[in-house]
């Protein structure tokens, strides 16, 4: 079988406008987006509520839901963008990192659609896409900039030199900060996903009410496994003394826990700024929707004269618009993939 990407990539620039369909299926959200040149025309997301009753993502259920949702989500994305399939110049997809079964659904669908339409494929790194979500709307950061990328699976400080040139300066050595939020919420008896609920309760709590130790890793790296253990021990100890402790102190508990995590994240970010001298600062990933993190970063930016960039809420969590944005810049470089491509559960930037 001929390599479609090689046979077509020399002719795709002939059309006046470049139109790409992007598919995101790395975890529990099925999403499709259409981008024309650098403008997002649609961004459709189908979330999976079934995981809530299990207190976390069940990979097998996630992949099944992607199979059920992907055709409808792509159809709605094309209709909302007012684009016909024969107008597409390429199909983009999340290759990784993520849940292998979930990724496989998106990769397989993209390969089949690209083959059927005889157009190229574009593979996208999910973490790279979170960072380029900043280029969907204004204001856009100037190169070079630092991006604190925080999600359920990743915590990284990334030096971004250009659209497709990025270097990880520091990252978590164990659990991600988003996982710490969700696990703590589960210990408090809050429904999944609980990170947003911790943020909600923290708004009216005292951040200095309780102290939670956090390991200070070398250089610009992070560790969040220890704080989960200490938090669990704290909750068990206090509820043994007072069965109503959580209910009576939920706001202060959430505020103190959130304060500890945010303090560590921004301490490391500040170190990165001091080391690089870069004052163009962005945050990305699902945890960048946390109001405490956003507000604290804005205040620090005003204090230290940093230029702060925070994406809209809809582009913080997993979505195909950010995949489409990476695909746009890869298309300009004729950076296409073959039909032999396979998903990667782990994939560094």
Protein backbone atom coordinates (compact mmCIF):
# COMPACT_ATOMS: atom_id res chain seq x y z
CA UNK A 1 0.00 0.00 0.00
CA UNK A 2 1.49 3.43 -0.90
CA UNK A 3 2.25 5.91 1.87
CA UNK A 4 -0.62 8.40 1.58
CA UNK A 5 1.25 11.05 3.56
CA UNK A 6 4.19 11.03 1.14
CA UNK A 7 2.11 11.04 -2.04
CA UNK A 8 -0.17 13.91 -1.02
CA UNK A 9 1.85 16.28 1.10
CA UNK A 10 3.28 18.07 -1.93
CA UNK A 11 -0.16 19.00 -3.25
CA UNK A 12 -2.14 19.90 -0.14
CA UNK A 13 -1.00 23.53 -0.08
CA UNK A 14 -2.67 24.25 -3.41
CA UNK A 15 -6.05 25.00 -1.85
CA UNK A 16 -6.71 28.56 -0.76
CA UNK A 17 -7.59 27.58 2.80
CA UNK A 18 -6.17 24.69 4.80
CA UNK A 19 -8.89 22.82 6.67
CA UNK A 20 -8.06 20.12 9.22
CA UNK A 21 -10.26 17.84 11.31
CA UNK A 22 -8.72 17.00 14.71
CA UNK A 23 -9.70 14.16 17.05
CA UNK A 24 -8.87 13.90 20.76
CA UNK A 25 -9.44 10.67 22.72
CA UNK A 26 -6.56 10.40 25.19
CA UNK A 27 -8.62 9.85 28.35
CA UNK A 28 -12.36 10.15 29.04
CA UNK A 29 -13.44 12.97 26.71
CA UNK A 30 -14.21 12.36 23.04
CA UNK A 31 -13.63 15.56 21.12
CA UNK A 32 -13.47 16.75 17.52
CA UNK A 33 -12.55 20.14 16.14
CA UNK A 34 -12.24 21.78 12.75
CA UNK A 35 -9.55 24.39 12.12
CA UNK A 36 -9.23 26.50 8.97
CA UNK A 37 -5.79 28.03 8.72
CA UNK A 38 -5.38 29.14 12.36
CA UNK A 39 -9.06 29.74 13.15
CA UNK A 40 -11.06 27.22 15.17
CA UNK A 41 -14.45 26.71 13.48
CA UNK A 42 -15.83 24.13 15.91
CA UNK A 43 -14.86 22.30 19.09
CA UNK A 44 -17.19 19.53 20.24
CA UNK A 45 -16.60 17.55 23.45
CA UNK A 46 -18.54 14.53 24.71
CA UNK A 47 -17.75 13.82 28.37
CA UNK A 48 -18.16 10.43 30.02
CA UNK A 49 -20.17 10.56 33.24
CA UNK A 50 -20.05 6.80 33.88
CA UNK A 51 -16.71 7.03 35.70
CA UNK A 52 -18.17 9.10 38.55
CA UNK A 53 -19.72 6.09 40.28
CA UNK A 54 -16.36 4.31 40.29
CA UNK A 55 -14.43 7.26 41.73
CA UNK A 56 -11.98 7.41 38.83
CA UNK A 57 -11.36 6.57 35.19
CA UNK A 58 -12.04 2.96 34.21
CA UNK A 59 -9.93 2.46 31.05
CA UNK A 60 -12.09 -0.25 29.48
CA UNK A 61 -15.26 1.79 29.94
CA UNK A 62 -13.51 4.87 28.55
CA UNK A 63 -12.46 3.13 25.33
CA UNK A 64 -15.96 1.71 24.83
CA UNK A 65 -17.50 5.16 25.28
CA UNK A 66 -15.08 6.60 22.71
CA UNK A 67 -16.25 3.99 20.21
CA UNK A 68 -19.86 4.98 20.87
CA UNK A 69 -19.21 8.74 20.67
CA UNK A 70 -16.57 9.36 18.02
CA UNK A 71 -18.76 9.19 14.89
CA UNK A 72 -21.41 11.53 16.31
CA UNK A 73 -18.86 13.97 17.71
CA UNK A 74 -17.02 14.20 14.38
CA UNK A 75 -20.31 14.65 12.52
CA UNK A 76 -21.39 17.50 14.80
CA UNK A 77 -17.98 19.18 14.54
CA UNK A 78 -18.13 19.15 10.73
CA UNK A 79 -21.73 20.41 10.65
CA UNK A 80 -21.05 23.20 13.14
CA UNK A 81 -18.04 24.29 11.10
CA UNK A 82 -20.14 24.08 7.90
CA UNK A 83 -17.44 21.90 6.34
CA UNK A 84 -17.92 18.90 4.07
CA UNK A 85 -15.56 15.93 4.34
CA UNK A 86 -14.24 16.54 0.81
CA UNK A 87 -13.04 20.00 1.92
CA UNK A 88 -10.64 18.55 4.48
CA UNK A 89 -6.90 18.71 3.78
CA UNK A 90 -5.77 16.46 6.65
CA UNK A 91 -6.92 14.48 9.69
CA UNK A 92 -5.14 15.10 12.99
CA UNK A 93 -5.29 12.90 16.07
CA UNK A 94 -3.83 12.53 19.54
CA UNK A 95 -1.17 9.82 19.38
CA UNK A 96 -0.28 10.08 23.07
CA UNK A 97 0.32 10.23 25.92
CA UNK A 98 -2.85 8.78 27.42
CA UNK A 99 -4.82 5.60 27.99
CA UNK A 100 -3.82 3.12 25.31
CA UNK A 101 -7.35 1.82 24.65
CA UNK A 102 -8.77 5.33 24.39
CA UNK A 103 -5.98 6.50 22.11
CA UNK A 104 -6.47 3.47 19.89
CA UNK A 105 -10.05 4.49 19.12
CA UNK A 106 -9.04 7.97 17.96
CA UNK A 107 -6.00 6.77 16.03
CA UNK A 108 -7.95 4.03 14.25
CA UNK A 109 -10.79 6.38 13.32
CA UNK A 110 -8.38 9.04 12.02
CA UNK A 111 -6.43 6.50 9.95
CA UNK A 112 -9.59 5.08 8.40
CA UNK A 113 -11.04 8.49 7.59
CA UNK A 114 -7.78 9.79 6.12
CA UNK A 115 -7.44 6.65 4.01
CA UNK A 116 -11.02 6.92 2.80
CA UNK A 117 -10.60 10.57 1.85
CA UNK A 118 -7.06 10.03 0.51
CA UNK A 119 -5.61 12.85 2.63
CA UNK A 120 -2.65 12.99 5.05
CA UNK A 121 -2.54 12.16 8.76
CA UNK A 122 -1.03 14.38 11.45
CA UNK A 123 -0.04 12.91 14.82
CA UNK A 124 -0.13 15.24 17.84
CA UNK A 125 1.43 15.07 21.30
CA UNK A 126 -1.30 15.74 23.86
CA UNK A 127 0.96 17.74 26.19
CA UNK A 128 2.30 19.85 23.35
CA UNK A 129 -1.31 20.57 22.44
CA UNK A 130 -2.17 21.82 25.94
CA UNK A 131 0.58 24.41 25.55
CA UNK A 132 -0.47 25.53 22.07
CA UNK A 133 -4.02 26.03 23.32
CA UNK A 134 -2.72 29.51 24.12
CA UNK A 135 -2.68 30.30 20.40
CA UNK A 136 -6.38 29.69 19.86
CA UNK A 137 -7.39 33.14 21.15
CA UNK A 138 -5.75 36.44 22.04
CA UNK A 139 -3.67 37.40 23.91
CA UNK A 140 -0.95 35.02 22.75
CA UNK A 141 2.39 34.58 24.53
CA UNK A 142 5.61 35.68 22.84
CA UNK A 143 8.50 33.29 22.32
CA UNK A 144 10.29 32.18 24.35
CA UNK A 145 7.88 31.57 27.22
CA UNK A 146 7.56 29.24 30.18
CA UNK A 147 4.47 27.06 30.56
CA UNK A 148 3.40 25.36 33.77
CA UNK A 149 1.46 22.38 32.45
CA UNK A 150 -0.70 20.81 35.15
CA UNK A 151 -3.21 18.00 34.69
CA UNK A 152 -4.39 14.69 36.10
CA UNK A 153 -1.48 12.87 34.49
CA UNK A 154 1.28 15.46 34.15
CA UNK A 155 2.99 18.28 35.99
CA UNK A 156 5.72 20.00 34.00
CA UNK A 157 7.55 23.28 33.54
CA UNK A 158 8.24 23.64 29.83
CA UNK A 159 10.46 26.12 27.98
CA UNK A 160 8.69 26.94 24.72
CA UNK A 161 11.03 28.35 22.07
CA UNK A 162 8.69 28.04 19.10
CA UNK A 163 5.41 26.41 18.13
CA UNK A 164 6.99 22.97 17.84
CA UNK A 165 10.20 23.45 19.83
CA UNK A 166 9.76 22.71 23.54
CA UNK A 167 12.02 21.54 26.38
CA UNK A 168 10.90 20.12 29.73
CA UNK A 169 12.82 21.90 32.53
CA UNK A 170 11.19 20.03 35.40
CA UNK A 171 8.40 17.52 36.00
CA UNK A 172 6.78 15.34 38.62
CA UNK A 173 8.78 12.31 39.68
CA UNK A 174 5.69 10.36 40.72
CA UNK A 175 2.07 11.54 40.86
CA UNK A 176 0.68 14.56 39.04
CA UNK A 177 -0.90 17.48 40.88
CA UNK A 178 -4.30 16.77 39.32
CA UNK A 179 -4.20 13.26 40.74
CA UNK A 180 -3.37 14.68 44.17
CA UNK A 181 -6.46 16.91 43.99
CA UNK A 182 -8.76 14.06 42.92
CA UNK A 183 -7.39 11.55 45.44
CA UNK A 184 -7.73 14.04 48.30
CA UNK A 185 -11.30 14.74 47.24
CA UNK A 186 -12.04 11.02 47.29
CA UNK A 187 -10.65 10.80 50.85
CA UNK A 188 -13.06 13.56 51.81
CA UNK A 189 -15.98 11.64 50.34
CA UNK A 190 -16.47 14.06 47.44
CA UNK A 191 -17.71 12.72 44.09
CA UNK A 192 -15.35 12.24 41.14
CA UNK A 193 -13.88 14.33 39.65
CA UNK A 194 -13.29 16.10 42.93
CA UNK A 195 -10.59 18.61 42.09
CA UNK A 196 -13.13 21.25 41.09
CA UNK A 197 -15.05 20.69 44.34
CA UNK A 198 -11.91 21.24 46.42
CA UNK A 199 -11.47 24.53 44.56
CA UNK A 200 -15.10 25.43 45.31
CA UNK A 201 -14.89 24.73 49.06
CA UNK A 202 -11.48 26.40 49.31
CA UNK A 203 -12.92 29.77 48.28
CA UNK A 204 -14.43 30.31 51.75
CA UNK A 205 -11.82 28.43 53.80
CA UNK A 206 -8.72 29.42 55.76
CA UNK A 207 -5.59 28.31 53.81
CA UNK A 208 -3.52 28.40 57.00
CA UNK A 209 -5.87 26.30 59.13
CA UNK A 210 -3.93 23.04 58.62
CA UNK A 211 -0.38 22.21 57.62
CA UNK A 212 0.37 19.49 55.05
CA UNK A 213 4.03 18.60 54.41
CA UNK A 214 5.25 18.41 50.83
CA UNK A 215 8.58 17.02 49.64
CA UNK A 216 10.85 19.60 47.98
CA UNK A 217 12.41 17.78 45.03
CA UNK A 218 15.78 18.81 43.55
CA UNK A 219 16.00 21.39 40.77
CA UNK A 220 12.63 22.11 39.13
CA UNK A 221 11.05 18.71 39.72
CA UNK A 222 7.90 17.90 41.73
CA UNK A 223 6.59 15.11 43.94
CA UNK A 224 2.99 14.72 45.06
CA UNK A 225 2.81 11.15 46.31
CA UNK A 226 3.88 12.04 49.86
CA UNK A 227 1.23 14.67 50.43
CA UNK A 228 -1.52 12.18 49.57
CA UNK A 229 -0.24 9.85 52.30
CA UNK A 230 0.08 12.62 54.86
CA UNK A 231 -3.38 13.90 53.97
CA UNK A 232 -4.89 10.44 54.43
CA UNK A 233 -3.17 10.02 57.81
CA UNK A 234 -4.43 13.46 58.85
CA UNK A 235 -8.02 12.68 57.88
CA UNK A 236 -7.97 9.29 59.62
CA UNK A 237 -6.49 10.76 62.80
CA UNK A 238 -8.95 13.63 63.03
CA UNK A 239 -12.06 11.60 62.20
CA UNK A 240 -11.14 9.07 64.90
CA UNK A 241 -11.31 11.93 67.40
CA UNK A 242 -14.38 13.55 65.83
CA UNK A 243 -16.60 11.66 63.39
CA UNK A 244 -17.95 14.96 62.03
CA UNK A 245 -14.53 16.54 61.52
CA UNK A 246 -14.70 16.63 57.70
CA UNK A 247 -18.22 18.03 57.58
CA UNK A 248 -17.38 20.71 60.16
CA UNK A 249 -14.09 21.75 58.56
CA UNK A 250 -14.49 21.00 54.86
CA UNK A 251 -13.78 24.57 53.71
CA UNK A 252 -10.62 24.94 55.79
CA UNK A 253 -9.37 21.47 54.86
CA UNK A 254 -9.78 22.16 51.14
CA UNK A 255 -8.28 25.64 51.38
CA UNK A 256 -5.22 24.39 53.28
CA UNK A 257 -4.63 21.44 50.95
CA UNK A 258 -5.05 23.56 47.81
CA UNK A 259 -2.80 26.29 49.23
CA UNK A 260 -0.02 23.76 49.79
CA UNK A 261 -0.16 22.43 46.23
CA UNK A 262 -0.35 25.87 44.62
CA UNK A 263 2.49 27.17 46.78
CA UNK A 264 4.75 24.34 45.61
CA UNK A 265 3.81 24.74 41.95
CA UNK A 266 4.50 28.46 41.93
CA UNK A 267 7.67 28.14 44.01
CA UNK A 268 9.15 25.93 41.31
CA UNK A 269 7.84 28.18 38.56
CA UNK A 270 9.45 31.17 40.21
CA UNK A 271 12.77 29.29 40.33
CA UNK A 272 12.46 28.57 36.60
CA UNK A 273 11.82 32.25 35.90
CA UNK A 274 14.89 33.22 37.93
CA UNK A 275 17.05 30.67 36.13
CA UNK A 276 15.93 31.57 32.60
CA UNK A 277 15.13 35.26 32.96
CA UNK A 278 11.94 34.67 30.97
CA UNK A 279 8.90 36.67 32.09
CA UNK A 280 6.37 35.42 29.54
CA UNK A 281 4.47 32.92 31.69
CA UNK A 282 1.62 30.58 30.76
CA UNK A 283 -0.32 27.78 32.45
CA UNK A 284 -2.08 24.91 30.73
CA UNK A 285 -3.85 21.61 31.43
CA UNK A 286 -6.92 20.71 33.43
CA UNK A 287 -5.63 22.08 36.75
CA UNK A 288 -5.07 25.47 35.11
CA UNK A 289 -8.85 25.86 35.51
CA UNK A 290 -8.34 26.00 39.29
CA UNK A 291 -9.37 29.49 40.42
CA UNK A 292 -6.88 29.55 43.30
CA UNK A 293 -3.98 28.85 40.95
CA UNK A 294 -5.15 31.38 38.38
CA UNK A 295 -5.71 34.15 40.92
CA UNK A 296 -2.42 33.57 42.74
CA UNK A 297 -0.45 33.52 39.49
CA UNK A 298 -2.07 36.79 38.36
CA UNK A 299 -1.12 38.44 41.66
CA UNK A 300 2.46 37.19 41.37
CA UNK A 301 2.59 38.45 37.81
CA UNK A 302 1.54 41.92 38.91
CA UNK A 303 4.08 41.88 41.74
CA UNK A 304 7.04 40.72 39.63
CA UNK A 305 6.07 42.26 36.25
CA UNK A 306 5.48 38.90 34.56
CA UNK A 307 3.22 38.69 31.52
CA UNK A 308 0.64 36.05 32.45
CA UNK A 309 -1.33 33.97 29.93
CA UNK A 310 -4.24 31.80 31.05
CA UNK A 311 -6.44 29.91 28.55
CA UNK A 312 -10.21 30.00 28.55
CA UNK A 313 -11.80 27.31 30.71
CA UNK A 314 -12.98 25.34 27.66
CA UNK A 315 -9.39 24.99 26.48
CA UNK A 316 -7.95 23.95 29.86
CA UNK A 317 -9.46 20.47 29.92
CA UNK A 318 -8.98 17.92 27.13
CA UNK A 319 -10.35 19.17 23.83
CA UNK A 320 -9.68 18.76 20.11
CA UNK A 321 -9.21 22.47 19.40
CA UNK A 322 -5.77 22.33 20.99
CA UNK A 323 -4.98 19.23 18.89
CA UNK A 324 -6.07 21.14 15.81
CA UNK A 325 -3.79 24.05 16.67
CA UNK A 326 -0.70 21.82 16.78
CA UNK A 327 -1.83 20.16 13.56
CA UNK A 328 -2.03 23.55 11.85
CA UNK A 329 1.64 24.28 12.52
CA UNK A 330 2.74 20.73 11.66
CA UNK A 331 0.83 20.98 8.38
CA UNK A 332 2.76 24.12 7.49
CA UNK A 333 5.96 22.09 7.89
CA UNK A 334 4.63 19.13 5.89
CA UNK A 335 5.03 17.02 9.03
CA UNK A 336 2.73 14.10 8.26
CA UNK A 337 2.41 10.53 9.54
CA UNK A 338 2.06 7.23 7.71
CA UNK A 339 -0.78 4.73 7.94
CA UNK A 340 1.53 2.49 9.99
CA UNK A 341 1.29 4.82 12.99
CA UNK A 342 0.23 3.41 16.37
CA UNK A 343 -0.73 5.08 19.69
CA UNK A 344 1.79 5.71 22.47
CA UNK A 345 0.64 5.60 26.09
CA UNK A 346 3.86 7.39 27.08
CA UNK A 347 5.31 10.05 24.83
CA UNK A 348 7.65 12.84 25.88
CA UNK A 349 7.35 16.30 24.37
